[in-house]
Amino acid sequence: MPPIGLRTAPRSALALLLGGASLLGAQQWVPPRPPCDISPGYFRIVSAQLDLKLAAERQDVRDRMLAQAKDVLFRSIVDDKQDKNPAAWYYLGRYFKAVGDAAGADTAFARAEALAPQCTADIATYRRVLSVETQNRAATAWQAGNQDSAAALFRLAYRLVPSNARPLFALAGLYAEAQTFDSAIVYYRRAAAAAAGDTALSANRRDALSNVARIYLSRAQTDPAVQRAQQTRASQDSLERLLAADSAVVARMVASSVSRHKRQARLSPADQAAFSRDSSARADAVGRERAARAALAVQAASGAAAVRAVSAPAIAAHRDLLAAFPDDMDAATNLATLYAQSGEPDLATTVFDSVLVHAHNLQAEDLIIAGERLLGTGLVRPGARALSLGLARNPYRRDALFYLARAYYTLRDSANMLPTAQRLIALDPLNRNGIRLVAAAWDLKGRRDSTLKYVTRADSTLPVDITVSSFAPDSAGFVLTAVATNLRSAASQPFKLSFDFLGPGGAVATTLPADIPALPPGGSQQFELHVKGTDLLGWRYRPS
């Protein structure tokens, strides 16, 4: 299969890619146009010129006149030594054009242009027509599954008009579809270079550079060195969470022991023995986890060099893409990820900062997706920045608020975490994980009373958790899918929710009810809401 996200031109869309050109000389003879002032200069070539004119003007003698012109021109060039006469080659090119022999015309016209440069513009008109005809033949061959013939014809079409990059784009797409990715890379790059400065092909050029980057990215991400590095990173993340939890427990034990000592309070011998065993075990675990963290850091550093070598082509390709299209958020995110995997987080941050200069051109969805991807690779600060910018454009993306609040917690940014978590539960007030984030935000601020309030709500007093799993467009509008889960050991009471669906500016486009039935202990119930609309930004709900 092609690398994920590779943009290949489908064969059915080739007509749009290749464009068209008006045919010249249908049912009429067009003499050489100024400044192509060549004269036949030889009687046989005069005869060939007349034969070609008759062939163009009279269908009843066309085949005979063309055959006669060919014979005369070949004899003139080969037998009569007219190979230095530009008119001989020019009219031979016209003959090949008339019979649809693009390769022959290319050769003959090239000789004519070399001998009579003033005819280049005149000859270019025939080259353009031949190129389009050849592209159409190539497209037909491609659609018929004749890849080799199609590739040869696309190359010929480009050779006829080297200023037209369309055949190169088609060639690259052909090779990509066949999963011949080395050849696809060659032609994507040639096409992008040939299309530089052509605004009509700007989107094709962007796709070509993007495809080169994606092919190399796919290769890098499936390389064993990168996969080992990803496994090491996952182990580091897991160990950091475990170490943080165990360190917090040890800190509380130490604080408890110090407090008892100050109060001159004593535990019973049995409790003291249990406390000593538990605290020693926890301290030993923290020591082992710190040693393991140090070993993983060494392993990650040694693996980073291998990752850098494997990722070098992908990094170069993404830099080329960003040099041409500096507002490409997907490319910047991929490049930042590659730098992070290569042990160069500062470069990752620099790349992302450079693309955010163009943030005014970016859509909320692009920024939010980039932010979530960056967080997933451990680039917490740039990820948080991307999410923040995305939420400035669409403040109603619940998942983006959730991930941003978690990022602020990782950064220990209490000033931003609390308002973000509060915005989250304003949209999603009965979600246990959201309530826990508010508790964590108050904890960062050192407000134990507020922390306890929200911990109690999440773990003790919230009877039913509401989790909205998706909010996605469909053919009729949008579908919201959610699950209600009874968190308690007793059956829950039925209740109602009112969902507001929000449009631009936060205006309520429509409100729909949701009936939550009585649920058994630990039981759950999925429900869906179908809402019409095309520009909905998000949702919020409240018990009603």
Foldseek 3Di string as FASTA:
>chain_A
DFFPPQDFDDLVCLCVLLDADDDPLQQADDDQDPPQPADLPDVLLVQLSVLLGCLSNDVVCNVVSLVSSLVSLVCCVPVVVCLLRLSSLCSQLVSCLVVLNLVSNLVSVVSSCVNPVRRVVVSLNSLLNSLSVLQVVLSVCVVVVNLVSSLVSLVSSCSSPVLDLSSLSNNLSSCSVVVVNVSSLVSLVSSLVSCVPPPVCLVSNLSSLVNQLSNLLSQLCPDPLLVVLVVLVVVLVVLVVVLVVLVVVLVVLVVVVVVCVVVVHDDDPVVVVVSVVVNVVSVVVNVVSVVVNVVSVVVQLVSLCVSCVSCVSSLVSLVVSCVSVVQPLVSLLSNLLSCLSSVNNVVNVVSLVSNCVVVVVDALVSLLVSLVSCVVSVNLPSSLVSLVSSCVQFVADLVSLLSNLVSCLVVLPLVPNQVSLVSNCQFAVQALSSLQSNLSSVVSVVNNVSNVVSVCVSQPVRQKHKAFPDWQADPFAIKIKIKIWGADQAKDAKFKKKKFWAFPPRDGPDIDMDIGHTAGHGGMDMDMDDDGDDGTRHMGMDTD
